[in-house]
Structures are given as structure tokens and as C-alpha cells.
N, C-alpha and C. Protein backbone atom coordinates (compact mmCIF):
# COMPACT_ATOMS: atom_id res chain seq x y z
N MET A 1 0.75 -1.37 0.02
CA MET A 1 -0.22 0.09 -0.21
C MET A 1 0.98 0.83 -0.01
N ALA A 2 1.61 1.54 0.60
CA ALA A 2 3.02 2.56 0.89
C ALA A 2 3.40 3.12 -0.60
N THR A 3 3.71 1.25 -1.16
CA THR A 3 4.25 1.89 -2.51
C THR A 3 3.21 2.48 -3.42
N LYS A 4 1.85 1.84 -3.30
CA LYS A 4 0.92 2.55 -4.35
C LYS A 4 1.12 4.44 -3.67
N LEU A 5 0.65 4.71 -2.67
CA LEU A 5 0.59 5.90 -2.14
C LEU A 5 2.12 6.37 -2.67
N PHE A 6 3.06 5.81 -2.51
CA PHE A 6 4.17 7.43 -3.01
C PHE A 6 4.43 7.44 -3.94
N ALA A 7 3.84 6.30 -5.04
CA ALA A 7 3.81 6.21 -6.70
C ALA A 7 2.93 7.18 -7.45
N GLU A 8 1.77 7.14 -6.27
CA GLU A 8 0.46 8.25 -6.68
C GLU A 8 0.53 9.58 -5.93
N MET A 9 1.12 9.72 -5.10
CA MET A 9 1.28 10.84 -4.30
C MET A 9 2.58 11.85 -3.75
N GLY A 10 3.73 10.93 -4.28
CA GLY A 10 4.59 10.81 -3.84
C GLY A 10 4.99 11.18 -2.33
N TYR A 11 6.54 10.83 -2.46
CA TYR A 11 6.83 11.15 -0.78
C TYR A 11 5.89 12.19 -0.15
N ASP A 12 6.54 13.43 -0.73
CA ASP A 12 6.05 14.89 -0.27
C ASP A 12 4.79 14.72 0.15
N GLY A 13 3.82 14.49 -0.64
CA GLY A 13 2.16 14.27 -0.52
C GLY A 13 1.66 13.06 0.17
N THR A 14 2.68 11.96 0.86
CA THR A 14 2.17 10.91 1.63
C THR A 14 2.53 11.14 2.93
N SER A 15 1.53 10.85 3.76
CA SER A 15 2.14 10.76 5.29
C SER A 15 1.54 9.58 5.80
N LEU A 16 2.33 9.05 6.89
CA LEU A 16 2.44 7.65 7.63
C LEU A 16 0.56 7.54 7.94
N GLY A 17 0.05 8.68 8.17
CA GLY A 17 -1.23 8.72 8.46
C GLY A 17 -2.18 7.97 7.52
N MET A 18 -1.79 8.37 6.10
CA MET A 18 -2.30 8.20 4.39
C MET A 18 -2.13 6.61 4.76
N VAL A 19 -0.90 6.48 4.76
CA VAL A 19 -0.76 4.73 4.80
C VAL A 19 -1.60 4.08 5.62
N ALA A 20 -1.10 4.49 6.71
CA ALA A 20 -2.30 3.75 8.18
C ALA A 20 -3.25 3.56 7.92
N ASP A 21 -4.12 4.86 7.27
CA ASP A 21 -5.76 4.87 6.83
C ASP A 21 -5.52 3.89 5.48
N ALA A 22 -5.06 3.35 4.65
CA ALA A 22 -5.45 2.56 3.52
C ALA A 22 -5.17 1.04 4.11
N LEU A 23 -4.23 1.21 5.18
CA LEU A 23 -4.34 -0.54 5.66
C LEU A 23 -4.92 -0.65 6.45
N GLY A 24 -5.98 0.25 7.45
CA GLY A 24 -6.92 0.02 8.33
C GLY A 24 -6.43 -0.03 9.46
N VAL A 25 -5.05 0.40 10.03
CA VAL A 25 -4.34 0.49 11.22
C VAL A 25 -3.94 1.62 11.69
N PRO A 26 -3.46 1.51 12.80
CA PRO A 26 -3.13 2.83 13.85
C PRO A 26 -1.59 3.40 13.27
N VAL A 27 -1.04 4.73 13.12
CA VAL A 27 -0.33 4.76 12.54
C VAL A 27 0.86 4.33 12.87
N SER A 28 0.95 3.95 15.09
CA SER A 28 1.74 3.42 15.31
C SER A 28 2.10 1.66 15.09
N ALA A 29 1.13 1.43 14.35
CA ALA A 29 1.21 -0.27 14.01
C ALA A 29 2.50 -0.07 12.66
N VAL A 30 2.33 1.18 12.35
CA VAL A 30 2.92 1.11 11.07
C VAL A 30 4.40 2.17 11.24
N THR A 31 4.66 2.60 12.08
CA THR A 31 5.92 2.92 12.46
C THR A 31 6.60 1.59 13.20
N ALA A 32 5.81 1.14 13.82
CA ALA A 32 6.48 -0.13 14.19
C ALA A 32 7.07 -1.65 13.42
N ALA A 33 6.60 -1.31 12.33
CA ALA A 33 6.97 -2.50 11.21
C ALA A 33 7.64 -1.98 10.58
N ALA A 34 7.54 -0.49 9.91
CA ALA A 34 8.24 -0.02 8.90
C ALA A 34 9.17 1.16 9.14
N GLY A 35 9.01 1.69 10.33
CA GLY A 35 9.61 2.87 11.02
C GLY A 35 8.84 4.10 10.68
N THR A 36 10.10 5.11 10.08
CA THR A 36 9.42 6.85 9.79
C THR A 36 8.78 6.41 8.33
N LYS A 37 8.47 7.66 8.13
CA LYS A 37 8.27 7.48 6.78
C LYS A 37 9.42 7.14 5.77
N ARG A 38 10.55 8.28 6.13
CA ARG A 38 11.69 8.17 5.24
C ARG A 38 12.57 6.56 5.27
N GLN A 39 12.53 5.62 6.39
CA GLN A 39 12.61 4.66 5.98
C GLN A 39 11.59 3.85 5.34
N LEU A 40 10.37 4.02 5.78
CA LEU A 40 9.21 3.49 4.48
C LEU A 40 9.47 3.81 3.44
N TYR A 41 10.03 4.76 2.93
CA TYR A 41 9.90 4.87 1.12
C TYR A 41 11.38 4.85 0.98
N LEU A 42 12.35 4.56 1.83
CA LEU A 42 13.88 3.76 1.31
C LEU A 42 13.65 2.70 1.01
N THR A 43 12.90 1.58 1.67
CA THR A 43 12.19 0.45 1.51
C THR A 43 11.39 0.17 0.39
N VAL A 44 10.67 0.90 0.23
CA VAL A 44 9.68 1.10 -0.95
C VAL A 44 10.86 0.88 -2.49
N MET A 45 11.99 2.08 -2.31
CA MET A 45 12.20 2.49 -3.28
C MET A 45 13.67 1.58 -3.63
N ARG A 46 14.14 0.90 -2.38
CA ARG A 46 14.84 -0.52 -2.34
C ARG A 46 14.52 -1.81 -3.06
N ARG A 47 13.05 -2.09 -2.67
CA ARG A 47 12.47 -2.69 -3.71
C ARG A 47 12.22 -2.70 -4.54
N ALA A 48 11.45 -1.66 -5.23
CA ALA A 48 11.46 -1.27 -6.65
C ALA A 48 12.92 -1.66 -7.42
N PHE A 49 13.93 -1.18 -6.73
CA PHE A 49 15.44 -1.19 -7.21
C PHE A 49 15.49 -2.78 -7.67
N GLU A 50 15.58 -3.46 -6.80
CA GLU A 50 16.00 -4.89 -6.52
C GLU A 50 15.12 -5.61 -7.76
N ALA A 51 13.37 -4.95 -7.74
CA ALA A 51 13.00 -5.99 -9.01
C ALA A 51 13.27 -5.48 -10.54
N GLU A 52 13.76 -4.66 -10.53
CA GLU A 52 13.89 -3.69 -11.78
C GLU A 52 15.90 -4.44 -12.20
N TRP A 53 16.65 -4.65 -10.71
CA TRP A 53 17.95 -5.62 -11.01
C TRP A 53 17.98 -6.39 -11.50
N ALA A 54 16.84 -7.13 -10.89
CA ALA A 54 16.63 -8.99 -11.46
C ALA A 54 16.36 -8.84 -12.80
N THR A 55 15.14 -8.09 -13.45
CA THR A 55 14.88 -7.90 -15.01
C THR A 55 15.85 -7.53 -15.61
N LEU A 56 16.80 -6.16 -15.58
CA LEU A 56 17.88 -6.00 -16.19
C LEU A 56 19.06 -7.32 -16.11
N LYS A 57 19.39 -7.93 -15.09
CA LYS A 57 20.66 -8.81 -14.95
C LYS A 57 19.88 -9.75 -15.46
N ALA A 58 19.19 -10.10 -15.50
CA ALA A 58 18.06 -11.66 -16.53
C ALA A 58 19.05 -10.79 -17.53
N ALA A 59 18.27 -10.28 -18.22
CA ALA A 59 18.50 -9.41 -19.74
C ALA A 59 19.62 -9.49 -20.32
N VAL A 60 21.17 -9.19 -19.31
CA VAL A 60 22.14 -9.07 -19.55
C VAL A 60 22.94 -10.19 -19.61
N ASP A 61 22.19 -11.02 -18.81
CA ASP A 61 23.13 -12.58 -18.97
C ASP A 61 22.18 -13.40 -20.05
N THR A 62 21.59 -12.91 -20.52
CA THR A 62 21.27 -13.80 -21.56
C THR A 62 21.07 -12.96 -23.30
N CYS A 63 22.01 -11.88 -23.14
CA CYS A 63 22.04 -10.93 -24.17
C CYS A 63 22.94 -11.39 -25.42
N PRO A 64 22.74 -11.82 -26.61
CA PRO A 64 23.63 -11.54 -27.90
C PRO A 64 25.27 -10.77 -27.71
N SER A 65 25.90 -11.38 -28.38
CA SER A 65 27.29 -10.72 -28.33
C SER A 65 27.09 -9.81 -29.30
N ASP A 66 26.13 -9.09 -30.07
CA ASP A 66 26.35 -7.78 -30.56
C ASP A 66 25.11 -7.01 -30.42
N ARG A 67 25.31 -5.71 -31.00
CA ARG A 67 24.33 -5.07 -30.85
C ARG A 67 22.99 -5.49 -30.83
N ARG A 68 22.59 -6.89 -31.05
CA ARG A 68 21.21 -7.04 -30.84
C ARG A 68 20.79 -6.81 -28.99
N CYS A 69 22.14 -6.66 -28.38
CA CYS A 69 22.00 -6.96 -27.24
C CYS A 69 21.34 -5.63 -26.50
N VAL A 70 21.36 -4.39 -26.86
CA VAL A 70 20.78 -3.35 -27.01
C VAL A 70 19.52 -3.34 -27.35
N HIS A 71 18.82 -3.91 -28.16
CA HIS A 71 17.48 -4.32 -28.35
C HIS A 71 17.25 -5.15 -27.29
N HIS A 72 18.12 -6.02 -26.86
CA HIS A 72 16.83 -7.62 -26.38
C HIS A 72 17.26 -6.59 -24.74
N ILE A 73 17.68 -5.56 -24.24
CA ILE A 73 17.98 -5.14 -22.87
C ILE A 73 16.67 -3.89 -23.14
N ALA A 74 16.50 -3.09 -23.98
CA ALA A 74 15.26 -2.11 -23.95
C ALA A 74 14.49 -3.39 -24.14
N ASP A 75 14.12 -3.65 -24.83
CA ASP A 75 13.19 -4.88 -24.58
C ASP A 75 12.16 -5.13 -23.15
N ALA A 76 13.55 -5.75 -22.37
CA ALA A 76 13.15 -6.42 -20.95
C ALA A 76 12.92 -5.07 -19.89
N TYR A 77 13.89 -3.62 -20.49
CA TYR A 77 13.31 -2.62 -19.40
C TYR A 77 11.91 -1.79 -19.60
N LEU A 78 11.51 -2.12 -21.31
CA LEU A 78 10.24 -1.56 -21.52
C LEU A 78 9.07 -2.51 -20.50
N ASP A 79 9.30 -3.53 -20.96
CA ASP A 79 8.48 -4.48 -20.80
C ASP A 79 8.10 -4.98 -18.89
N PHE A 80 9.54 -4.74 -18.23
CA PHE A 80 9.28 -4.46 -16.77
C PHE A 80 8.43 -3.40 -16.59
N HIS A 81 8.70 -1.97 -17.36
CA HIS A 81 8.08 -0.77 -16.72
C HIS A 81 6.60 -0.74 -17.13
N VAL A 82 5.91 -1.58 -17.90
CA VAL A 82 4.93 -1.67 -18.67
C VAL A 82 4.40 -2.31 -17.67
N ALA A 83 4.99 -3.54 -17.07
CA ALA A 83 4.14 -4.22 -16.00
C ALA A 83 4.17 -3.75 -14.29
N HIS A 84 4.81 -2.80 -14.42
CA HIS A 84 5.13 -2.20 -13.53
C HIS A 84 5.14 -0.71 -13.15
N PRO A 85 4.53 -0.41 -13.29
CA PRO A 85 3.95 1.49 -13.59
C PRO A 85 4.53 1.71 -12.33
N TYR A 86 4.37 1.39 -10.76
CA TYR A 86 4.49 2.34 -9.99
C TYR A 86 6.05 2.64 -10.12
N VAL A 87 7.35 1.62 -10.08
CA VAL A 87 8.30 2.04 -10.41
C VAL A 87 8.85 3.06 -11.29
N ARG A 88 8.26 3.70 -12.52
CA ARG A 88 8.31 4.59 -13.55
C ARG A 88 7.24 5.35 -12.45
N ALA A 89 6.21 5.80 -11.66
CA ALA A 89 5.84 6.82 -11.18
C ALA A 89 6.47 7.18 -9.53
N LEU A 90 7.15 6.03 -9.20
CA LEU A 90 8.35 6.91 -8.21
C LEU A 90 8.85 7.90 -8.75
N TRP A 91 10.33 7.41 -9.87
CA TRP A 91 11.02 8.23 -10.45
C TRP A 91 10.37 9.17 -10.90
N ALA A 92 9.22 8.85 -11.24
CA ALA A 92 8.85 10.56 -12.21
C ALA A 92 8.14 11.41 -10.90
N HIS A 93 7.99 11.16 -9.88
CA HIS A 93 8.11 12.23 -8.53
C HIS A 93 9.26 12.37 -8.12
N ARG A 94 10.31 11.93 -7.87
CA ARG A 94 11.68 11.86 -7.78
C ARG A 94 12.32 12.85 -8.61
N TRP A 95 11.94 12.96 -9.83
CA TRP A 95 12.38 14.11 -11.20
C TRP A 95 11.77 15.13 -10.73
N VAL A 96 10.77 15.86 -10.28
CA VAL A 96 10.04 16.62 -9.81
C VAL A 96 10.33 17.34 -8.82
N ALA A 97 11.45 17.14 -8.22
CA ALA A 97 11.82 17.18 -6.84
C ALA A 97 10.92 16.83 -5.35
N ASP A 98 10.29 15.62 -5.48
CA ASP A 98 10.12 14.76 -4.52
C ASP A 98 11.15 14.05 -3.74
N ALA A 99 10.66 13.82 -2.96
CA ALA A 99 11.96 13.79 -1.58
C ALA A 99 13.61 14.31 -1.64
N ALA A 100 13.36 15.59 -2.11
CA ALA A 100 14.50 16.35 -2.04
C ALA A 100 15.67 16.14 -0.94
N ASP A 101 15.07 15.98 0.29
CA ASP A 101 15.94 16.23 1.06
C ASP A 101 16.76 14.62 1.51
N ILE A 102 16.45 13.76 0.30
CA ILE A 102 16.49 12.19 0.18
C ILE A 102 17.93 12.83 -0.71
N VAL A 103 18.90 12.68 -0.70
CA VAL A 103 19.76 13.33 -1.49
C VAL A 103 21.07 12.26 -2.74
N ASP A 104 20.50 10.93 -2.44
CA ASP A 104 21.61 9.74 -3.02
C ASP A 104 20.96 8.63 -3.32
N LEU A 105 19.76 8.99 -3.76
CA LEU A 105 18.70 7.98 -4.71
C LEU A 105 19.50 7.29 -6.27
N GLU A 106 19.99 8.50 -6.85
CA GLU A 106 20.43 8.12 -8.11
C GLU A 106 21.35 7.46 -8.21
N ASP A 107 22.30 7.58 -6.83
CA ASP A 107 23.57 6.71 -6.60
C ASP A 107 22.96 5.45 -6.24
N ARG A 108 22.36 5.67 -5.31
CA ARG A 108 21.83 3.92 -5.03
C ARG A 108 21.70 3.10 -6.12
N TYR A 109 20.39 3.53 -6.96
CA TYR A 109 19.58 3.08 -7.59
C TYR A 109 20.00 2.87 -9.49
N PRO A 110 19.46 3.68 -9.84
CA PRO A 110 19.77 4.20 -11.27
C PRO A 110 21.28 3.84 -11.27
N ARG A 111 22.03 3.96 -10.92
CA ARG A 111 23.63 4.32 -10.90
C ARG A 111 24.02 2.90 -11.40
N PRO A 112 23.91 2.14 -10.52
CA PRO A 112 24.21 0.73 -10.91
C PRO A 112 23.35 0.05 -11.59
N LEU A 113 22.13 0.09 -12.12
CA LEU A 113 21.53 -0.42 -13.68
C LEU A 113 22.15 0.19 -14.52
N PHE A 114 22.68 1.33 -14.25
CA PHE A 114 23.25 2.12 -15.87
C PHE A 114 24.42 1.27 -16.02
N ARG A 115 25.36 1.17 -15.08
CA ARG A 115 27.00 0.09 -15.06
C ARG A 115 26.81 -0.76 -15.41
N LEU A 116 25.62 -1.71 -15.08
CA LEU A 116 25.54 -2.94 -15.30
C LEU A 116 25.04 -3.12 -16.83
N VAL A 117 24.24 -2.04 -17.37
CA VAL A 117 23.96 -2.38 -18.64
C VAL A 117 24.90 -1.93 -19.55
N ALA A 118 25.31 -0.94 -19.33
CA ALA A 118 26.72 -0.15 -20.06
C ALA A 118 28.01 -1.26 -20.18
N LYS A 119 28.13 -1.93 -19.28
CA LYS A 119 29.41 -2.93 -19.50
C LYS A 119 28.80 -3.66 -20.20
N ARG A 120 27.41 -4.09 -20.34
CA ARG A 120 27.68 -5.47 -20.98
C ARG A 120 27.55 -5.15 -22.65
N THR A 121 26.81 -3.50 -22.34
CA THR A 121 26.84 -3.13 -24.17
C THR A 121 27.76 -2.68 -25.07
N ARG A 122 28.85 -1.75 -23.53
CA ARG A 122 29.77 -1.06 -24.50
C ARG A 122 30.67 -2.07 -25.59
N ASP A 123 30.52 -3.04 -25.92
CA ASP A 123 31.38 -3.46 -26.64
C ASP A 123 30.72 -3.95 -28.02
N ALA A 124 29.28 -3.60 -28.23
CA ALA A 124 28.33 -4.06 -28.36
C ALA A 124 27.90 -2.89 -29.55
N VAL A 125 28.22 -1.58 -29.42
CA VAL A 125 28.14 -0.30 -30.38
C VAL A 125 29.51 -0.14 -30.67
N PRO A 126 29.31 0.63 -31.96
CA PRO A 126 30.17 1.51 -32.30
C PRO A 126 31.26 1.97 -32.18
N ASP A 127 32.08 2.20 -31.96
CA ASP A 127 33.32 3.27 -31.36
C ASP A 127 32.69 4.56 -31.85
N GLY A 128 32.60 5.71 -30.84
CA GLY A 128 32.15 7.26 -30.96
C GLY A 128 30.44 7.22 -30.61
N VAL A 129 30.08 5.72 -29.79
CA VAL A 129 28.59 5.77 -29.55
C VAL A 129 28.88 6.21 -28.11
N ASN A 130 28.39 7.33 -27.72
CA ASN A 130 28.41 7.35 -26.09
C ASN A 130 26.97 6.33 -25.36
N VAL A 131 27.76 5.01 -24.55
CA VAL A 131 26.73 4.18 -24.40
C VAL A 131 26.04 4.97 -22.71
N TYR A 132 26.31 5.27 -22.42
CA TYR A 132 25.34 6.30 -21.03
C TYR A 132 24.05 7.17 -21.95
N TRP A 133 24.59 8.07 -22.82
CA TRP A 133 23.95 8.99 -23.53
C TRP A 133 22.70 7.78 -23.90
N MET A 134 23.34 7.43 -24.77
CA MET A 134 22.72 6.02 -25.37
C MET A 134 21.27 5.43 -24.28
N LEU A 135 22.13 4.83 -23.53
CA LEU A 135 21.29 4.76 -22.26
C LEU A 135 20.24 5.67 -21.33
N GLY A 136 20.83 6.62 -21.53
CA GLY A 136 19.72 7.56 -21.05
C GLY A 136 18.73 8.14 -21.88
N MET A 137 19.06 8.11 -22.94
CA MET A 137 18.16 8.61 -23.80
C MET A 137 16.95 7.43 -23.87
N MET A 138 17.33 6.46 -23.91
CA MET A 138 16.56 4.89 -24.00
C MET A 138 15.16 4.93 -22.73
N VAL A 139 16.13 5.69 -21.70
CA VAL A 139 15.09 5.84 -20.10
C VAL A 139 14.05 6.87 -20.72
N TRP A 140 14.53 8.09 -20.82
CA TRP A 140 13.81 8.96 -20.72
C TRP A 140 12.77 8.63 -21.84
N THR A 141 12.96 8.11 -23.19
CA THR A 141 11.72 8.11 -24.08
C THR A 141 10.96 6.83 -23.56
N VAL A 142 11.00 5.53 -22.62
CA VAL A 142 10.18 5.06 -22.20
C VAL A 142 9.49 5.39 -21.50
N HIS A 143 9.92 6.18 -20.33
CA HIS A 143 9.34 6.95 -19.36
C HIS A 143 8.55 8.13 -20.16
N GLY A 144 9.05 8.88 -20.94
CA GLY A 144 8.31 9.82 -21.44
C GLY A 144 6.81 8.79 -22.18
N PHE A 145 6.66 7.82 -22.54
CA PHE A 145 6.25 7.23 -23.52
C PHE A 145 5.16 6.76 -22.40
N LEU A 146 5.31 6.08 -21.39
CA LEU A 146 4.76 5.53 -20.62
C LEU A 146 3.50 6.37 -19.06
N GLY A 147 4.76 7.58 -19.01
CA GLY A 147 3.57 8.94 -18.39
C GLY A 147 2.94 9.64 -19.19
N SER A 148 2.85 9.57 -20.73
CA SER A 148 2.42 10.74 -21.08
C SER A 148 1.52 9.71 -22.29
N GLY A 149 1.70 8.75 -23.04
CA GLY A 149 1.82 8.37 -24.55
C GLY A 149 2.34 8.77 -25.67
N VAL A 150 1.33 8.80 -26.66
CA VAL A 150 1.53 9.43 -27.75
C VAL A 150 0.61 10.31 -28.59
N LEU A 151 0.36 11.30 -29.31
CA LEU A 151 -0.47 11.98 -29.82
C LEU A 151 -0.74 10.63 -31.01
N ALA A 152 -2.40 10.64 -31.32
CA ALA A 152 -3.22 9.82 -31.86
C ALA A 152 -2.92 10.38 -33.05
N ARG A 153 -2.82 10.02 -34.27
CA ARG A 153 -2.87 10.57 -36.12
C ARG A 153 -3.85 12.04 -36.10
N ARG A 154 -5.08 11.38 -35.49
CA ARG A 154 -6.42 12.38 -35.60
C ARG A 154 -6.92 13.21 -34.52
N SER A 155 -7.12 12.45 -33.51
CA SER A 155 -7.03 12.97 -32.17
C SER A 155 -7.13 12.04 -31.18
N GLY A 156 -6.77 12.24 -30.04
CA GLY A 156 -6.61 11.95 -28.46
C GLY A 156 -5.40 10.73 -28.34
N MET A 157 -5.05 10.41 -27.66
CA MET A 157 -3.88 9.72 -27.47
C MET A 157 -3.33 8.24 -27.19
N LEU A 158 -2.55 7.66 -27.47
CA LEU A 158 -2.42 6.12 -27.53
C LEU A 158 -1.47 6.13 -26.24
N ARG A 159 -2.04 5.29 -25.35
CA ARG A 159 -1.70 5.13 -24.07
C ARG A 159 -1.29 3.33 -24.51
N THR A 160 -0.48 2.85 -23.41
CA THR A 160 0.12 1.80 -23.06
C THR A 160 -1.33 0.49 -22.51
N ASP A 161 -2.56 0.75 -22.25
CA ASP A 161 -3.40 0.20 -22.24
C ASP A 161 -3.73 -0.76 -23.58
N HIS A 162 -3.30 -0.60 -24.58
CA HIS A 162 -3.30 -1.39 -25.79
C HIS A 162 -2.18 -1.44 -26.29
N PRO A 163 -2.05 -3.25 -26.20
CA PRO A 163 -1.06 -4.01 -26.69
C PRO A 163 0.00 -3.60 -27.90
N LYS A 164 -1.59 -3.10 -28.63
CA LYS A 164 -0.63 -2.91 -30.44
C LYS A 164 0.13 -1.02 -30.38
N VAL A 165 -0.59 -0.53 -29.01
CA VAL A 165 0.17 0.67 -29.14
C VAL A 165 1.42 0.30 -28.31
N VAL A 166 1.85 -0.64 -27.52
CA VAL A 166 2.80 -0.95 -26.93
C VAL A 166 4.24 -1.19 -28.53
N ARG A 167 3.11 -2.45 -29.17
CA ARG A 167 4.02 -2.93 -29.74
C ARG A 167 4.60 -1.89 -30.80
N ASP A 168 3.87 -1.27 -31.43
CA ASP A 168 4.65 0.39 -32.56
C ASP A 168 5.21 0.67 -31.45
N PHE A 169 5.11 1.41 -30.34
CA PHE A 169 6.23 2.14 -29.43
C PHE A 169 7.50 1.05 -29.51
N ARG A 170 7.44 0.44 -29.14
CA ARG A 170 8.77 -0.62 -29.18
C ARG A 170 9.73 -0.82 -30.55
N ALA A 171 8.48 -0.91 -31.49
CA ALA A 171 9.64 -0.65 -32.56
C ALA A 171 9.97 0.51 -33.13
N HIS A 172 9.14 1.32 -32.59
CA HIS A 172 9.99 3.37 -32.86
C HIS A 172 11.60 2.95 -32.18
N LEU A 173 10.93 2.48 -30.52
CA LEU A 173 12.31 2.65 -29.84
C LEU A 173 13.59 1.36 -30.65
N HIS A 174 13.50 0.73 -30.74
CA HIS A 174 14.23 -0.09 -32.00
C HIS A 174 14.87 0.58 -32.44
N LEU A 175 14.11 1.72 -33.88
CA LEU A 175 14.24 2.33 -35.20
C LEU A 175 15.45 3.44 -33.84
N MET A 176 15.01 4.59 -32.78
CA MET A 176 15.66 5.29 -32.21
C MET A 176 16.82 4.96 -31.56
N LEU A 177 17.06 3.52 -30.88
CA LEU A 177 18.50 3.11 -30.94
C LEU A 177 19.48 2.44 -31.83
N GLU A 178 18.85 1.94 -33.01
CA GLU A 178 19.47 2.07 -34.02
C GLU A 178 20.09 3.18 -34.47
N GLY A 179 19.21 4.09 -35.00
CA GLY A 179 19.70 5.43 -35.45
C GLY A 179 21.32 6.02 -34.47
N MET A 180 20.90 5.74 -33.09
CA MET A 180 22.02 5.78 -32.11
C MET A 180 23.29 5.01 -32.61
N MET A 181 23.27 4.03 -33.01
CA MET A 181 24.28 2.76 -32.82
C MET A 181 25.05 3.24 -34.30
N THR A 182 24.49 3.81 -34.79
CA THR A 182 24.94 4.25 -36.48
C THR A 182 25.68 5.50 -35.95
N ALA A 183 27.53 5.44 -35.43
CA ALA A 183 28.11 6.41 -35.23
C ALA A 183 28.35 7.25 -36.07
N GLN A 184 28.42 8.50 -36.03
CA GLN A 184 28.43 9.63 -36.82
C GLN A 184 30.09 10.15 -36.65
N ARG A 185 30.58 10.12 -37.50
CA ARG A 185 32.04 10.70 -37.77
C ARG A 185 32.11 12.18 -38.12
């Protein structure tokens, strides 16, 4: 329940009282089980990281040895975030200065993920391609799509609740990554 509230309301917008109310228990029960709001949030963020780590580690471990590896990891990343929208929402709040007093989350969680993937893909991309920038653009693109969708051709938005939209986005994500792996000299 805390994960859902932090994902929907952000750290700054969620109180222990809200968590307790959602669980139907007194605040004292929440603090006895999870500690302070900060401790609870850190637990939520650690668990989100561990789930994402497991997915990306499995993708890295089964990656082809050529540039298809980048696509394989991108697919795993996209599929993880489609299946776990709360993780994207947690980070979306963070990216707009939520939990600003917790200063090292990026070093604890996204940085090890980037290192894991960069180490595995570095040799799969041509010289002249900055792997960290390429991965950053993949992350931003996936999170942007999942957070807002894409404008439909005539009206409205295309969102992730339709499998065809996700398939079409995946195809364009692959085109974008392939374009980035074509080193410009």
C-alpha cells in the first residue's frame, strides 16, 4: 500500500497517516513495522530497485554478443516498466524534486543499473557512441511514453493500455536505438 501511495502522491504528498488509513491500522502499527516515513520510502525504493535489477540482470545474462544486445535489454526495460507502472511513477515524482532531502537515491539505484547495462553493451556498439547517453535517451523515451503516451494521428492519445500501442512504440524505440548506434563521424 505504501508503494501505491508513494507512486500516486509522491513522498512529499504521502503521510504515514495516509498509509495507516489505507491499511486500516493505527499509525503506531505502521511505524512499528516500517519505521519512519523516510525509512518506509527507502524500503519502497530499494524493493523497486531490486525488482528492476533482477529483470535487467537476467536480460544482461542472456544478451546476444552483438548490437542486438541493446535491443534485448531495451525490450526487458520496456516490459518491466509496462508491468510495474509504480516504479516509473516513483521516479517521475523524484524527477520533479519529490523527496529532495534524500540526496543519494540516484547513486544507490539508477547508477548501478546503468553500470550493469553499460558494461554489457559497451562492446556491442560502435566506437563513437556514448553508451551512457544512449541508455539515458532510452530511459527518457520509455518513461516519457509510459507517462504520457503518444498523440494519435487524428485526435486523442495512444497509451499503454493497448498492446498494439506498446508494440508500435517498441518498434520505434528499436529504430531510435539503431539510429543512435550508427556512429556519426
